[in-house]
């Protein structure tokens, strides 16, 4: 059974950085693109970034472009989201999933990111 476990969230001041991790199991990780979504308070879940199966092709939402970097380690079945220059509007629960622009698995528990002073 496929499973996704996110970690690395926390509280950070504006301008700070966090690195999120998502470890996958139950499927052949290296065969799939992976993505990160987030749900900000009062908003629908939105796509943040995706990466292809070989870490060659990436996409970023306009709101995070230039500040966030998605990457993956196929040997560790893990996808990362490096978040720099965080802003209060980045406060959200962050989720990873399998696929490009749409999720293809059930959601994990997510990891909370809070950006405030």
C-alpha atoms as a PDB file:
ATOM      1  CA  UNK A   1       0.000   0.000   0.000  1.00  0.00           C
ATOM      2  CA  UNK A   2       1.412   3.344  -1.039  1.00  0.00           C
ATOM      3  CA  UNK A   3       2.217   5.739   1.781  1.00  0.00           C
ATOM      4  CA  UNK A   4       3.625   9.260   2.022  1.00  0.00           C
ATOM      5  CA  UNK A   5       5.085  10.723   5.202  1.00  0.00           C
ATOM      6  CA  UNK A   6       5.913  14.422   5.339  1.00  0.00           C
ATOM      7  CA  UNK A   7       8.210  16.046   7.891  1.00  0.00           C
ATOM      8  CA  UNK A   8      10.330  19.122   8.499  1.00  0.00           C
ATOM      9  CA  UNK A   9       7.698  21.753   9.143  1.00  0.00           C
ATOM     10  CA  UNK A  10       7.725  24.162  12.044  1.00  0.00           C
ATOM     11  CA  UNK A  11       7.652  27.804  13.031  1.00  0.00           C
ATOM     12  CA  UNK A  12      10.005  30.271  11.394  1.00  0.00           C
ATOM     13  CA  UNK A  13      10.301  34.031  11.238  1.00  0.00           C
ATOM     14  CA  UNK A  14       9.780  35.884   7.939  1.00  0.00           C
ATOM     15  CA  UNK A  15      12.881  35.571   5.802  1.00  0.00           C
ATOM     16  CA  UNK A  16      13.790  32.241   7.332  1.00  0.00           C
ATOM     17  CA  UNK A  17      14.213  28.834   5.731  1.00  0.00           C
ATOM     18  CA  UNK A  18      12.891  25.326   6.179  1.00  0.00           C
ATOM     19  CA  UNK A  19      13.494  22.063   4.370  1.00  0.00           C
ATOM     20  CA  UNK A  20      10.569  19.695   4.060  1.00  0.00           C
ATOM     21  CA  UNK A  21      10.980  15.985   3.404  1.00  0.00           C
ATOM     22  CA  UNK A  22       8.541  13.394   2.112  1.00  0.00           C
ATOM     23  CA  UNK A  23       9.398   9.730   2.287  1.00  0.00           C
ATOM     24  CA  UNK A  24       7.416   7.370   0.074  1.00  0.00           C
ATOM     25  CA  UNK A  25       6.818   3.660   0.338  1.00  0.00           C
ATOM     26  CA  UNK A  26       4.666   1.023  -1.308  1.00  0.00           C
ATOM     27  CA  UNK A  27       5.450   1.910  -4.929  1.00  0.00           C
ATOM     28  CA  UNK A  28       8.474   2.277  -7.202  1.00  0.00           C
ATOM     29  CA  UNK A  29       9.371   5.846  -6.333  1.00  0.00           C
ATOM     30  CA  UNK A  30      11.848   6.337  -9.176  1.00  0.00           C
ATOM     31  CA  UNK A  31       9.131   5.678 -11.785  1.00  0.00           C
ATOM     32  CA  UNK A  32       7.003   8.690 -10.892  1.00  0.00           C
ATOM     33  CA  UNK A  33       7.021  12.437 -10.838  1.00  0.00           C
ATOM     34  CA  UNK A  34       6.423  13.875  -7.372  1.00  0.00           C
ATOM     35  CA  UNK A  35       4.860  17.087  -6.225  1.00  0.00           C
ATOM     36  CA  UNK A  36       4.200  19.322  -3.246  1.00  0.00           C
ATOM     37  CA  UNK A  37       0.868  20.951  -2.486  1.00  0.00           C
ATOM     38  CA  UNK A  38      -0.142  23.245   0.342  1.00  0.00           C
ATOM     39  CA  UNK A  39      -3.350  24.312   2.005  1.00  0.00           C
ATOM     40  CA  UNK A  40      -3.242  27.814   3.397  1.00  0.00           C
ATOM     41  CA  UNK A  41      -5.825  28.802   6.029  1.00  0.00           C
ATOM     42  CA  UNK A  42      -9.189  29.380   4.380  1.00  0.00           C
ATOM     43  CA  UNK A  43      -7.978  28.239   0.973  1.00  0.00           C
ATOM     44  CA  UNK A  44      -8.173  25.185  -1.232  1.00  0.00           C
ATOM     45  CA  UNK A  45      -5.181  22.922  -1.559  1.00  0.00           C
ATOM     46  CA  UNK A  46      -2.869  24.287  -4.269  1.00  0.00           C
ATOM     47  CA  UNK A  47       0.055  22.960  -6.259  1.00  0.00           C
ATOM     48  CA  UNK A  48       3.394  24.375  -5.157  1.00  0.00           C
ATOM     49  CA  UNK A  49       5.939  22.450  -7.227  1.00  0.00           C
ATOM     50  CA  UNK A  50       6.633  19.219  -9.049  1.00  0.00           C
ATOM     51  CA  UNK A  51       9.707  17.333 -10.183  1.00  0.00           C
ATOM     52  CA  UNK A  52      10.014  14.631 -12.828  1.00  0.00           C
ATOM     53  CA  UNK A  53      11.267  11.150 -12.006  1.00  0.00           C
ATOM     54  CA  UNK A  54      14.903  11.949 -12.819  1.00  0.00           C
ATOM     55  CA  UNK A  55      15.093  15.369 -11.110  1.00  0.00           C
ATOM     56  CA  UNK A  56      15.592  17.091 -14.486  1.00  0.00           C
ATOM     57  CA  UNK A  57      12.284  18.908 -14.935  1.00  0.00           C
ATOM     58  CA  UNK A  58      10.741  21.105 -12.278  1.00  0.00           C
ATOM     59  CA  UNK A  59       7.782  23.443 -12.033  1.00  0.00           C
ATOM     60  CA  UNK A  60       6.984  26.103  -9.455  1.00  0.00           C
ATOM     61  CA  UNK A  61       3.900  28.119  -8.751  1.00  0.00           C
ATOM     62  CA  UNK A  62       4.454  31.819  -9.343  1.00  0.00           C
ATOM     63  CA  UNK A  63       4.054  32.561  -5.641  1.00  0.00           C
ATOM     64  CA  UNK A  64       7.118  30.497  -4.720  1.00  0.00           C
ATOM     65  CA  UNK A  65       9.295  30.777  -7.819  1.00  0.00           C
ATOM     66  CA  UNK A  66      12.826  31.842  -6.959  1.00  0.00           C
ATOM     67  CA  UNK A  67      12.378  31.002  -3.266  1.00  0.00           C
ATOM     68  CA  UNK A  68      11.519  27.282  -3.172  1.00  0.00           C
ATOM     69  CA  UNK A  69      13.461  24.380  -4.670  1.00  0.00           C
ATOM     70  CA  UNK A  70      12.094  20.878  -5.168  1.00  0.00           C
ATOM     71  CA  UNK A  71      14.476  17.956  -5.428  1.00  0.00           C
ATOM     72  CA  UNK A  72      14.511  14.210  -4.901  1.00  0.00           C
ATOM     73  CA  UNK A  73      16.731  11.336  -3.873  1.00  0.00           C
ATOM     74  CA  UNK A  74      15.549   8.178  -5.592  1.00  0.00           C
ATOM     75  CA  UNK A  75      17.901   6.030  -3.537  1.00  0.00           C
ATOM     76  CA  UNK A  76      16.149   7.255  -0.375  1.00  0.00           C
ATOM     77  CA  UNK A  77      12.606   7.371  -1.855  1.00  0.00           C
ATOM     78  CA  UNK A  78      12.420  10.950  -0.675  1.00  0.00           C
ATOM     79  CA  UNK A  79      11.361  14.248  -2.222  1.00  0.00           C
ATOM     80  CA  UNK A  80      12.393  17.550  -0.658  1.00  0.00           C
ATOM     81  CA  UNK A  81      11.163  21.112  -0.672  1.00  0.00           C
ATOM     82  CA  UNK A  82      13.761  23.702   0.290  1.00  0.00           C
ATOM     83  CA  UNK A  83      11.953  26.889   1.244  1.00  0.00           C
ATOM     84  CA  UNK A  84      13.910  30.130   1.545  1.00  0.00           C
ATOM     85  CA  UNK A  85      12.870  33.706   2.224  1.00  0.00           C
ATOM     86  CA  UNK A  86       9.646  32.499   3.775  1.00  0.00           C
ATOM     87  CA  UNK A  87       6.729  34.908   4.029  1.00  0.00           C
ATOM     88  CA  UNK A  88       3.686  34.888   6.304  1.00  0.00           C
ATOM     89  CA  UNK A  89       1.583  33.981   3.248  1.00  0.00           C
ATOM     90  CA  UNK A  90       3.521  30.692   3.027  1.00  0.00           C
ATOM     91  CA  UNK A  91       1.882  29.571   6.261  1.00  0.00           C
ATOM     92  CA  UNK A  92       0.111  26.334   5.366  1.00  0.00           C
ATOM     93  CA  UNK A  93       0.000  22.598   5.771  1.00  0.00           C
ATOM     94  CA  UNK A  94       2.315  21.151   3.141  1.00  0.00           C
ATOM     95  CA  UNK A  95       1.642  17.797   1.488  1.00  0.00           C
ATOM     96  CA  UNK A  96       3.542  15.733  -1.021  1.00  0.00           C
ATOM     97  CA  UNK A  97       1.958  13.425  -3.552  1.00  0.00           C
ATOM     98  CA  UNK A  98       2.752  11.355  -6.577  1.00  0.00           C
ATOM     99  CA  UNK A  99       2.309  12.780 -10.045  1.00  0.00           C
ATOM    100  CA  UNK A 100       2.586  16.050 -11.930  1.00  0.00           C
ATOM    101  CA  UNK A 101      -0.175  18.592 -11.439  1.00  0.00           C
ATOM    102  CA  UNK A 102      -2.763  16.358  -9.797  1.00  0.00           C
ATOM    103  CA  UNK A 103      -2.445  13.996  -6.856  1.00  0.00           C
ATOM    104  CA  UNK A 104      -2.679  10.278  -7.552  1.00  0.00           C
ATOM    105  CA  UNK A 105      -2.517   8.909  -3.999  1.00  0.00           C
ATOM    106  CA  UNK A 106      -4.378   9.471  -0.769  1.00  0.00           C
ATOM    107  CA  UNK A 107      -3.050  12.417   1.183  1.00  0.00           C
ATOM    108  CA  UNK A 108      -0.637  11.950   4.055  1.00  0.00           C
ATOM    109  CA  UNK A 109      -0.891  13.878   7.285  1.00  0.00           C
ATOM    110  CA  UNK A 110       1.059  16.827   5.918  1.00  0.00           C
ATOM    111  CA  UNK A 111       3.478  19.040   7.809  1.00  0.00           C
ATOM    112  CA  UNK A 112       2.578  22.432   9.261  1.00  0.00           C
ATOM    113  CA  UNK A 113       4.649  25.472   8.316  1.00  0.00           C
ATOM    114  CA  UNK A 114       4.025  28.668  10.239  1.00  0.00           C
ATOM    115  CA  UNK A 115       5.757  31.894   9.266  1.00  0.00           C
ATOM    116  CA  UNK A 116       5.316  34.734  11.719  1.00  0.00           C
ATOM    117  CA  UNK A 117       7.250  37.183  13.814  1.00  0.00           C
END
